[in-house]
Amino acid sequence: MPEAASAAPTISTVLAGARARLAAAGCETPRLDAELLLASVLGVGRERLVLDAASVVDTRRFDELVARREAREPVAYIIGRREFRRICLAVDRRVLIPRPETELLVEAALSLPTGATVLDVGTGSGAVALALKDERPDLDVYGVDISEDALAVARANARRLGLDVSFARADLLAGVSGPFDAVVANLPYVADGAALPPEVARYEPPRALFAGRDGLDAVRRLIATAAVPFLALEIGYDQAEAVAALLRAAGFRSLERWRDLAGHERVIAARR
């Protein structure tokens, strides 16, 4: 009997095995992935995995989730949520997974004057619009997206978080009634045919990723029609100069660039 008990899977041994499997599958953060998946199965915070490392666990459900991650399905889709600044968003394959660099888009808009009216274009899960409303309740925030599926996710997030943001279907600014003091946008900016990690290429919605030969088709269209005092855009890591030129040509004069943790310019905020 003591030998059987000692062979029972504990949190520590289960995590070690999952880390090895995920590393072999090519996952970039096998330890973090394994911990997030197990914490989700157990319904606890990650800190409990350390405090209860010797506790025996049932591995059946966890093994199923690890197998999905081995196939390179993103952790956020597997557990159905993603932390974004101060809020937790429900996400699934109808929407892109919010990235850390997208938080810079929120940062760029936090300096808007009290009571400003803001439109989040290409809102997806509602991440930017909802985070802005959460941190700046005085702002009047709206979100639009061309995808009804994405809007369903955004509206559900708004209801669950209790944040007063209205969402509507629109192709960029077409048919959107203003005026708005500011537009923020995380639009598709990947060049057609670009190689992407399996997590993105296999699972995330292509419509929210690709935008023409140089990835700037949607950005060009928005800049050409955004008659607002303030415009902030998330861009690809190598697109800053091209986008800055488009903004200047459209009459924006004051440009501020925000760098991600890798040092790439990933958000440009422009004022007229």
C-alpha atoms as a PDB file:
ATOM      1  CA  MET A   1       0.000   0.000   0.000  1.00  0.00           C
ATOM      2  CA  PRO A   2       2.749   2.567   0.805  1.00  0.00           C
ATOM      3  CA  GLU A   3       4.406   1.799  -2.567  1.00  0.00           C
ATOM      4  CA  ALA A   4       1.151   2.450  -4.450  1.00  0.00           C
ATOM      5  CA  ALA A   5       0.708   5.763  -2.644  1.00  0.00           C
ATOM      6  CA  SER A   6       4.252   6.879  -3.438  1.00  0.00           C
ATOM      7  CA  ALA A   7       3.667   6.179  -7.137  1.00  0.00           C
ATOM      8  CA  ALA A   8       0.540   8.329  -7.290  1.00  0.00           C
ATOM      9  CA  PRO A   9       0.923  11.391  -9.511  1.00  0.00           C
ATOM     10  CA  THR A  10       1.568  14.605  -7.623  1.00  0.00           C
ATOM     11  CA  ILE A  11       1.365  18.162  -8.863  1.00  0.00           C
ATOM     12  CA  SER A  12       5.156  18.291  -9.038  1.00  0.00           C
ATOM     13  CA  THR A  13       5.585  15.103 -11.086  1.00  0.00           C
ATOM     14  CA  VAL A  14       2.637  15.856 -13.349  1.00  0.00           C
ATOM     15  CA  LEU A  15       4.020  19.304 -14.172  1.00  0.00           C
ATOM     16  CA  ALA A  16       7.478  17.901 -14.862  1.00  0.00           C
ATOM     17  CA  GLY A  17       6.056  15.404 -17.337  1.00  0.00           C
ATOM     18  CA  ALA A  18       3.914  18.049 -19.042  1.00  0.00           C
ATOM     19  CA  ARG A  19       6.861  20.435 -19.345  1.00  0.00           C
ATOM     20  CA  ALA A  20       8.892  17.745 -21.081  1.00  0.00           C
ATOM     21  CA  ARG A  21       6.059  16.947 -23.499  1.00  0.00           C
ATOM     22  CA  LEU A  22       5.454  20.585 -24.393  1.00  0.00           C
ATOM     23  CA  ALA A  23       9.146  21.341 -24.812  1.00  0.00           C
ATOM     24  CA  ALA A  24       9.458  18.385 -27.177  1.00  0.00           C
ATOM     25  CA  ALA A  25       6.473  19.717 -29.150  1.00  0.00           C
ATOM     26  CA  GLY A  26       8.286  23.026 -29.694  1.00  0.00           C
ATOM     27  CA  CYS A  27       6.260  25.208 -27.334  1.00  0.00           C
ATOM     28  CA  GLU A  28       8.259  28.308 -26.372  1.00  0.00           C
ATOM     29  CA  THR A  29       7.113  28.485 -22.736  1.00  0.00           C
ATOM     30  CA  PRO A  30       6.516  24.876 -21.650  1.00  0.00           C
ATOM     31  CA  ARG A  31       6.687  25.526 -17.911  1.00  0.00           C
ATOM     32  CA  LEU A  32       4.272  28.458 -17.980  1.00  0.00           C
ATOM     33  CA  ASP A  33       1.917  26.606 -20.319  1.00  0.00           C
ATOM     34  CA  ALA A  34       1.845  23.522 -18.114  1.00  0.00           C
ATOM     35  CA  GLU A  35       1.209  25.563 -14.990  1.00  0.00           C
ATOM     36  CA  LEU A  36      -1.603  27.563 -16.567  1.00  0.00           C
ATOM     37  CA  LEU A  37      -3.305  24.409 -17.806  1.00  0.00           C
ATOM     38  CA  LEU A  38      -3.053  22.582 -14.479  1.00  0.00           C
ATOM     39  CA  ALA A  39      -4.154  25.630 -12.501  1.00  0.00           C
ATOM     40  CA  SER A  40      -7.184  25.860 -14.778  1.00  0.00           C
ATOM     41  CA  VAL A  41      -8.060  22.186 -14.256  1.00  0.00           C
ATOM     42  CA  LEU A  42      -7.723  22.492 -10.490  1.00  0.00           C
ATOM     43  CA  GLY A  43      -9.464  25.863 -10.312  1.00  0.00           C
ATOM     44  CA  VAL A  44      -6.624  27.474  -8.372  1.00  0.00           C
ATOM     45  CA  GLY A  45      -4.016  30.184  -8.829  1.00  0.00           C
ATOM     46  CA  ARG A  46      -0.556  29.187 -10.030  1.00  0.00           C
ATOM     47  CA  GLU A  47       0.900  29.878  -6.596  1.00  0.00           C
ATOM     48  CA  ARG A  48      -1.025  26.881  -5.229  1.00  0.00           C
ATOM     49  CA  LEU A  49       0.921  24.600  -7.559  1.00  0.00           C
ATOM     50  CA  VAL A  50       4.044  25.432  -5.571  1.00  0.00           C
ATOM     51  CA  LEU A  51       2.403  25.347  -2.152  1.00  0.00           C
ATOM     52  CA  ASP A  52       0.663  22.028  -2.900  1.00  0.00           C
ATOM     53  CA  ALA A  53       3.393  20.457  -5.028  1.00  0.00           C
ATOM     54  CA  ALA A  54       3.214  17.145  -3.160  1.00  0.00           C
ATOM     55  CA  SER A  55      -0.577  16.806  -3.463  1.00  0.00           C
ATOM     56  CA  VAL A  56      -1.926  13.894  -5.488  1.00  0.00           C
ATOM     57  CA  VAL A  57      -3.934  14.846  -8.587  1.00  0.00           C
ATOM     58  CA  ASP A  58      -6.169  13.122 -11.123  1.00  0.00           C
ATOM     59  CA  THR A  59      -4.383  13.603 -14.443  1.00  0.00           C
ATOM     60  CA  ARG A  60      -7.091  12.614 -16.943  1.00  0.00           C
ATOM     61  CA  ARG A  61      -8.471  16.068 -17.718  1.00  0.00           C
ATOM     62  CA  PHE A  62      -5.017  17.629 -17.549  1.00  0.00           C
ATOM     63  CA  ASP A  63      -3.638  15.103 -20.041  1.00  0.00           C
ATOM     64  CA  GLU A  64      -6.377  16.077 -22.492  1.00  0.00           C
ATOM     65  CA  LEU A  65      -5.425  19.751 -22.270  1.00  0.00           C
ATOM     66  CA  VAL A  66      -1.714  19.039 -22.584  1.00  0.00           C
ATOM     67  CA  ALA A  67      -2.413  17.011 -25.737  1.00  0.00           C
ATOM     68  CA  ARG A  68      -4.202  20.026 -27.222  1.00  0.00           C
ATOM     69  CA  ARG A  69      -1.243  22.229 -26.382  1.00  0.00           C
ATOM     70  CA  GLU A  70       1.120  19.654 -27.907  1.00  0.00           C
ATOM     71  CA  ALA A  71      -0.822  20.196 -31.146  1.00  0.00           C
ATOM     72  CA  ARG A  72       0.108  23.885 -30.656  1.00  0.00           C
ATOM     73  CA  GLU A  73      -3.364  25.111 -29.810  1.00  0.00           C
ATOM     74  CA  PRO A  74      -2.876  28.372 -27.854  1.00  0.00           C
ATOM     75  CA  VAL A  75      -3.276  28.132 -24.094  1.00  0.00           C
ATOM     76  CA  ALA A  76      -5.767  31.013 -24.101  1.00  0.00           C
ATOM     77  CA  TYR A  77      -8.119  29.078 -26.370  1.00  0.00           C
ATOM     78  CA  ILE A  78      -7.723  25.904 -24.325  1.00  0.00           C
ATOM     79  CA  ILE A  79      -8.615  27.537 -21.016  1.00  0.00           C
ATOM     80  CA  GLY A  80     -10.956  30.083 -22.627  1.00  0.00           C
ATOM     81  CA  ARG A  81      -9.557  33.274 -21.175  1.00  0.00           C
ATOM     82  CA  ARG A  82      -6.709  35.782 -21.347  1.00  0.00           C
ATOM     83  CA  GLU A  83      -5.535  38.383 -18.853  1.00  0.00           C
ATOM     84  CA  PHE A  84      -5.241  41.847 -20.386  1.00  0.00           C
ATOM     85  CA  ARG A  85      -4.068  44.715 -18.219  1.00  0.00           C
ATOM     86  CA  ARG A  86      -6.506  44.739 -15.259  1.00  0.00           C
ATOM     87  CA  ILE A  87      -9.264  42.648 -16.837  1.00  0.00           C
ATOM     88  CA  CYS A  88      -9.744  39.006 -17.772  1.00  0.00           C
ATOM     89  CA  LEU A  89     -11.272  38.392 -21.191  1.00  0.00           C
ATOM     90  CA  ALA A  90     -13.090  35.339 -22.473  1.00  0.00           C
ATOM     91  CA  VAL A  91     -11.537  34.317 -25.797  1.00  0.00           C
ATOM     92  CA  ASP A  92     -12.068  31.577 -28.357  1.00  0.00           C
ATOM     93  CA  ARG A  93     -11.260  30.939 -31.999  1.00  0.00           C
ATOM     94  CA  ARG A  94     -13.679  33.643 -33.151  1.00  0.00           C
ATOM     95  CA  VAL A  95     -11.203  36.333 -32.028  1.00  0.00           C
ATOM     96  CA  LEU A  96      -7.494  37.020 -31.911  1.00  0.00           C
ATOM     97  CA  ILE A  97      -5.822  36.467 -28.560  1.00  0.00           C
ATOM     98  CA  PRO A  98      -4.869  39.855 -27.053  1.00  0.00           C
ATOM     99  CA  ARG A  99      -1.083  40.286 -26.921  1.00  0.00           C
ATOM    100  CA  PRO A 100       1.081  42.228 -24.471  1.00  0.00           C
ATOM    101  CA  GLU A 101       2.000  44.701 -27.219  1.00  0.00           C
ATOM    102  CA  THR A 102      -1.679  45.549 -27.639  1.00  0.00           C
ATOM    103  CA  GLU A 103      -1.654  46.879 -24.092  1.00  0.00           C
ATOM    104  CA  LEU A 104       0.479  49.722 -25.461  1.00  0.00           C
ATOM    105  CA  LEU A 105      -2.545  50.851 -27.469  1.00  0.00           C
ATOM    106  CA  VAL A 106      -4.394  51.349 -24.193  1.00  0.00           C
ATOM    107  CA  GLU A 107      -1.391  53.173 -22.735  1.00  0.00           C
ATOM    108  CA  ALA A 108      -1.347  55.553 -25.678  1.00  0.00           C
ATOM    109  CA  ALA A 109      -4.999  56.485 -25.159  1.00  0.00           C
ATOM    110  CA  LEU A 110      -4.894  56.976 -21.382  1.00  0.00           C
ATOM    111  CA  SER A 111      -3.768  60.590 -21.866  1.00  0.00           C
ATOM    112  CA  LEU A 112      -6.986  61.575 -23.664  1.00  0.00           C
ATOM    113  CA  PRO A 113      -8.883  64.471 -22.061  1.00  0.00           C
ATOM    114  CA  THR A 114     -11.704  63.866 -19.606  1.00  0.00           C
ATOM    115  CA  GLY A 115     -14.930  62.792 -21.281  1.00  0.00           C
ATOM    116  CA  ALA A 116     -13.379  62.083 -24.671  1.00  0.00           C
ATOM    117  CA  THR A 117     -15.329  59.918 -27.103  1.00  0.00           C
ATOM    118  CA  VAL A 118     -13.251  56.955 -28.305  1.00  0.00           C
ATOM    119  CA  LEU A 119     -13.857  54.403 -31.053  1.00  0.00           C
ATOM    120  CA  ASP A 120     -11.989  51.086 -31.026  1.00  0.00           C
ATOM    121  CA  VAL A 121     -11.853  49.861 -34.641  1.00  0.00           C
ATOM    122  CA  GLY A 122     -11.382  46.120 -35.174  1.00  0.00           C
ATOM    123  CA  THR A 123     -12.285  45.517 -31.550  1.00  0.00           C
ATOM    124  CA  GLY A 124     -12.184  41.690 -31.658  1.00  0.00           C
ATOM    125  CA  SER A 125     -12.664  40.418 -28.113  1.00  0.00           C
ATOM    126  CA  GLY A 126     -13.203  44.007 -26.977  1.00  0.00           C
ATOM    127  CA  ALA A 127      -9.827  44.053 -25.224  1.00  0.00           C
ATOM    128  CA  VAL A 128      -8.765  47.632 -25.936  1.00  0.00           C
ATOM    129  CA  ALA A 129     -12.212  49.196 -25.594  1.00  0.00           C
ATOM    130  CA  LEU A 130     -12.968  47.386 -22.342  1.00  0.00           C
ATOM    131  CA  ALA A 131      -9.550  48.011 -20.799  1.00  0.00           C
ATOM    132  CA  LEU A 132      -9.868  51.715 -21.625  1.00  0.00           C
ATOM    133  CA  LYS A 133     -13.308  51.907 -20.027  1.00  0.00           C
ATOM    134  CA  ASP A 134     -12.049  50.000 -16.994  1.00  0.00           C
ATOM    135  CA  GLU A 135      -9.124  52.378 -16.440  1.00  0.00           C
ATOM    136  CA  ARG A 136     -10.817  55.573 -17.642  1.00  0.00           C
ATOM    137  CA  PRO A 137     -14.514  55.339 -16.725  1.00  0.00           C
ATOM    138  CA  ASP A 138     -14.964  58.958 -17.789  1.00  0.00           C
ATOM    139  CA  LEU A 139     -14.329  58.084 -21.440  1.00  0.00           C
ATOM    140  CA  ASP A 140     -17.244  57.379 -23.765  1.00  0.00           C
ATOM    141  CA  VAL A 141     -16.047  54.201 -25.489  1.00  0.00           C
ATOM    142  CA  TYR A 142     -17.414  52.338 -28.509  1.00  0.00           C
ATOM    143  CA  GLY A 143     -16.137  49.369 -30.498  1.00  0.00           C
ATOM    144  CA  VAL A 144     -16.711  48.187 -34.065  1.00  0.00           C
ATOM    145  CA  ASP A 145     -15.704  45.074 -35.965  1.00  0.00           C
ATOM    146  CA  ILE A 146     -16.584  43.568 -39.326  1.00  0.00           C
ATOM    147  CA  SER A 147     -17.079  40.135 -37.745  1.00  0.00           C
ATOM    148  CA  GLU A 148     -20.384  39.379 -36.035  1.00  0.00           C
ATOM    149  CA  ASP A 149     -18.708  36.427 -34.331  1.00  0.00           C
ATOM    150  CA  ALA A 150     -16.105  38.722 -32.797  1.00  0.00           C
ATOM    151  CA  LEU A 151     -18.775  41.188 -31.707  1.00  0.00           C
ATOM    152  CA  ALA A 152     -20.619  38.407 -29.883  1.00  0.00           C
ATOM    153  CA  VAL A 153     -17.460  37.730 -27.867  1.00  0.00           C
ATOM    154  CA  ALA A 154     -16.901  41.436 -27.172  1.00  0.00           C
ATOM    155  CA  ARG A 155     -20.480  41.983 -26.003  1.00  0.00           C
ATOM    156  CA  ALA A 156     -20.331  38.964 -23.724  1.00  0.00           C
ATOM    157  CA  ASN A 157     -17.087  40.272 -22.208  1.00  0.00           C
ATOM    158  CA  ALA A 158     -18.643  43.688 -21.623  1.00  0.00           C
ATOM    159  CA  ARG A 159     -21.654  42.143 -19.862  1.00  0.00           C
ATOM    160  CA  ARG A 160     -19.546  39.886 -17.685  1.00  0.00           C
ATOM    161  CA  LEU A 161     -17.184  42.713 -16.709  1.00  0.00           C
ATOM    162  CA  GLY A 162     -20.005  45.200 -16.186  1.00  0.00           C
ATOM    163  CA  LEU A 163     -18.391  47.788 -18.454  1.00  0.00           C
ATOM    164  CA  ASP A 164     -20.541  50.229 -20.427  1.00  0.00           C
ATOM    165  CA  VAL A 165     -19.126  49.897 -23.941  1.00  0.00           C
ATOM    166  CA  SER A 166     -21.363  49.670 -27.013  1.00  0.00           C
ATOM    167  CA  PHE A 167     -20.370  47.481 -29.966  1.00  0.00           C
ATOM    168  CA  ALA A 168     -21.594  47.556 -33.564  1.00  0.00           C
ATOM    169  CA  ARG A 169     -20.754  45.961 -36.902  1.00  0.00           C
ATOM    170  CA  ALA A 170     -18.794  48.108 -39.351  1.00  0.00           C
ATOM    171  CA  ASP A 171     -16.086  47.787 -41.982  1.00  0.00           C
ATOM    172  CA  LEU A 172     -13.565  50.185 -40.435  1.00  0.00           C
ATOM    173  CA  LEU A 173     -15.380  53.557 -40.312  1.00  0.00           C
ATOM    174  CA  ALA A 174     -17.926  52.907 -43.056  1.00  0.00           C
ATOM    175  CA  GLY A 175     -21.364  53.875 -41.804  1.00  0.00           C
ATOM    176  CA  VAL A 176     -20.113  54.811 -38.343  1.00  0.00           C
ATOM    177  CA  SER A 177     -21.668  57.976 -36.994  1.00  0.00           C
ATOM    178  CA  GLY A 178     -19.436  60.305 -35.023  1.00  0.00           C
ATOM    179  CA  PRO A 179     -17.895  62.584 -34.269  1.00  0.00           C
ATOM    180  CA  PHE A 180     -15.165  60.940 -32.216  1.00  0.00           C
ATOM    181  CA  ASP A 181     -12.307  62.580 -30.364  1.00  0.00           C
ATOM    182  CA  ALA A 182     -10.101  59.550 -30.869  1.00  0.00           C
ATOM    183  CA  VAL A 183      -9.794  56.321 -32.818  1.00  0.00           C
ATOM    184  CA  VAL A 184      -7.690  53.391 -31.629  1.00  0.00           C
ATOM    185  CA  ALA A 185      -7.180  50.321 -33.773  1.00  0.00           C
ATOM    186  CA  ASN A 186      -5.455  46.967 -33.799  1.00  0.00           C
ATOM    187  CA  LEU A 187      -6.130  46.039 -37.420  1.00  0.00           C
ATOM    188  CA  PRO A 188      -4.822  43.123 -39.485  1.00  0.00           C
ATOM    189  CA  TYR A 189      -1.218  43.949 -40.380  1.00  0.00           C
ATOM    190  CA  VAL A 190       0.399  40.681 -41.509  1.00  0.00           C
ATOM    191  CA  ALA A 191       1.503  40.483 -45.141  1.00  0.00           C
ATOM    192  CA  ASP A 192      -0.298  37.877 -47.224  1.00  0.00           C
ATOM    193  CA  GLY A 193       1.657  34.624 -47.294  1.00  0.00           C
ATOM    194  CA  ALA A 194       3.872  35.476 -44.316  1.00  0.00           C
ATOM    195  CA  ALA A 195       5.088  32.537 -42.249  1.00  0.00           C
ATOM    196  CA  LEU A 196       3.483  32.425 -38.819  1.00  0.00           C
ATOM    197  CA  PRO A 197       3.926  30.236 -35.717  1.00  0.00           C
ATOM    198  CA  PRO A 198       1.655  27.159 -35.647  1.00  0.00           C
ATOM    199  CA  GLU A 199      -0.396  28.660 -32.814  1.00  0.00           C
ATOM    200  CA  VAL A 200      -1.356  31.570 -35.058  1.00  0.00           C
ATOM    201  CA  ALA A 201      -1.458  29.900 -38.476  1.00  0.00           C
ATOM    202  CA  ARG A 202      -3.589  26.943 -37.395  1.00  0.00           C
ATOM    203  CA  TYR A 203      -5.950  28.481 -34.870  1.00  0.00           C
ATOM    204  CA  GLU A 204      -6.410  32.255 -35.040  1.00  0.00           C
ATOM    205  CA  PRO A 205      -8.882  33.826 -37.513  1.00  0.00           C
ATOM    206  CA  PRO A 206      -7.078  34.688 -40.794  1.00  0.00           C
ATOM    207  CA  ARG A 207      -9.405  37.604 -41.458  1.00  0.00           C
ATOM    208  CA  ALA A 208      -8.007  39.321 -38.394  1.00  0.00           C
ATOM    209  CA  LEU A 209      -4.402  38.736 -39.433  1.00  0.00           C
ATOM    210  CA  PHE A 210      -3.729  39.358 -43.118  1.00  0.00           C
ATOM    211  CA  ALA A 211      -3.957  42.669 -44.965  1.00  0.00           C
ATOM    212  CA  GLY A 212      -2.454  42.602 -48.428  1.00  0.00           C
ATOM    213  CA  ARG A 213       0.990  42.354 -49.923  1.00  0.00           C
ATOM    214  CA  ASP A 214       2.701  44.520 -47.298  1.00  0.00           C
ATOM    215  CA  GLY A 215       0.167  44.045 -44.501  1.00  0.00           C
ATOM    216  CA  LEU A 216      -0.947  47.679 -44.574  1.00  0.00           C
ATOM    217  CA  ASP A 217      -4.132  47.572 -46.665  1.00  0.00           C
ATOM    218  CA  ALA A 218      -6.461  48.017 -43.686  1.00  0.00           C
ATOM    219  CA  VAL A 219      -4.212  50.604 -42.036  1.00  0.00           C
ATOM    220  CA  ARG A 220      -4.140  52.689 -45.233  1.00  0.00           C
ATOM    221  CA  ARG A 221      -7.923  52.620 -45.506  1.00  0.00           C
ATOM    222  CA  LEU A 222      -8.388  53.680 -41.908  1.00  0.00           C
ATOM    223  CA  ILE A 223      -5.855  56.511 -42.030  1.00  0.00           C
ATOM    224  CA  ALA A 224      -7.457  57.851 -45.212  1.00  0.00           C
ATOM    225  CA  THR A 225     -10.880  58.124 -43.551  1.00  0.00           C
ATOM    226  CA  ALA A 226     -10.076  58.855 -39.886  1.00  0.00           C
ATOM    227  CA  ALA A 227     -10.913  62.554 -39.592  1.00  0.00           C
ATOM    228  CA  VAL A 228     -10.191  62.659 -35.872  1.00  0.00           C
ATOM    229  CA  PRO A 229      -7.838  64.681 -33.658  1.00  0.00           C
ATOM    230  CA  PHE A 230      -6.161  61.545 -32.260  1.00  0.00           C
ATOM    231  CA  LEU A 231      -5.400  58.212 -33.912  1.00  0.00           C
ATOM    232  CA  ALA A 232      -3.451  55.338 -32.338  1.00  0.00           C
ATOM    233  CA  LEU A 233      -2.515  52.205 -34.271  1.00  0.00           C
ATOM    234  CA  GLU A 234      -0.889  48.914 -33.418  1.00  0.00           C
ATOM    235  CA  ILE A 235       1.499  47.943 -36.223  1.00  0.00           C
ATOM    236  CA  GLY A 236       3.915  45.218 -37.241  1.00  0.00           C
ATOM    237  CA  TYR A 237       7.419  45.276 -35.793  1.00  0.00           C
ATOM    238  CA  ASP A 238       8.933  46.624 -39.053  1.00  0.00           C
ATOM    239  CA  GLN A 239       6.144  48.941 -40.226  1.00  0.00           C
ATOM    240  CA  ALA A 240       6.759  52.077 -38.163  1.00  0.00           C
ATOM    241  CA  GLU A 241       8.387  54.179 -40.869  1.00  0.00           C
ATOM    242  CA  ALA A 242       5.829  53.275 -43.521  1.00  0.00           C
ATOM    243  CA  VAL A 243       2.906  54.007 -41.204  1.00  0.00           C
ATOM    244  CA  ALA A 244       4.451  57.266 -39.985  1.00  0.00           C
ATOM    245  CA  ALA A 245       4.707  58.422 -43.613  1.00  0.00           C
ATOM    246  CA  LEU A 246       1.039  57.566 -44.198  1.00  0.00           C
ATOM    247  CA  LEU A 247       0.006  59.523 -41.104  1.00  0.00           C
ATOM    248  CA  ARG A 248       1.985  62.611 -42.083  1.00  0.00           C
ATOM    249  CA  ALA A 249       0.546  62.501 -45.589  1.00  0.00           C
ATOM    250  CA  ALA A 250      -2.943  62.452 -44.046  1.00  0.00           C
ATOM    251  CA  GLY A 251      -2.293  65.609 -42.037  1.00  0.00           C
ATOM    252  CA  PHE A 252      -1.156  64.221 -38.698  1.00  0.00           C
ATOM    253  CA  ARG A 253       1.788  66.199 -37.376  1.00  0.00           C
ATOM    254  CA  SER A 254       2.562  65.056 -33.844  1.00  0.00           C
ATOM    255  CA  LEU A 255       3.624  61.405 -33.711  1.00  0.00           C
ATOM    256  CA  GLU A 256       4.572  59.370 -30.651  1.00  0.00           C
ATOM    257  CA  ARG A 257       5.935  55.835 -30.926  1.00  0.00           C
ATOM    258  CA  TRP A 258       5.649  53.125 -28.307  1.00  0.00           C
ATOM    259  CA  ARG A 259       8.063  50.192 -28.123  1.00  0.00           C
ATOM    260  CA  ASP A 260       7.280  46.647 -27.005  1.00  0.00           C
ATOM    261  CA  LEU A 261       9.439  44.607 -24.624  1.00  0.00           C
ATOM    262  CA  ALA A 262      11.619  43.496 -27.538  1.00  0.00           C
ATOM    263  CA  GLY A 263      12.347  47.120 -28.439  1.00  0.00           C
ATOM    264  CA  HIS A 264      10.207  47.175 -31.589  1.00  0.00           C
ATOM    265  CA  GLU A 265       7.987  50.164 -32.352  1.00  0.00           C
ATOM    266  CA  ARG A 266       4.546  48.595 -32.116  1.00  0.00           C
ATOM    267  CA  VAL A 267       2.144  51.500 -31.546  1.00  0.00           C
ATOM    268  CA  ILE A 268       2.039  54.929 -33.151  1.00  0.00           C
ATOM    269  CA  ALA A 269      -0.149  57.646 -31.646  1.00  0.00           C
ATOM    270  CA  ALA A 270      -0.758  60.635 -33.924  1.00  0.00           C
ATOM    271  CA  ARG A 271      -2.377  64.014 -33.368  1.00  0.00           C
ATOM    272  CA  ARG A 272      -3.418  66.678 -35.828  1.00  0.00           C
END
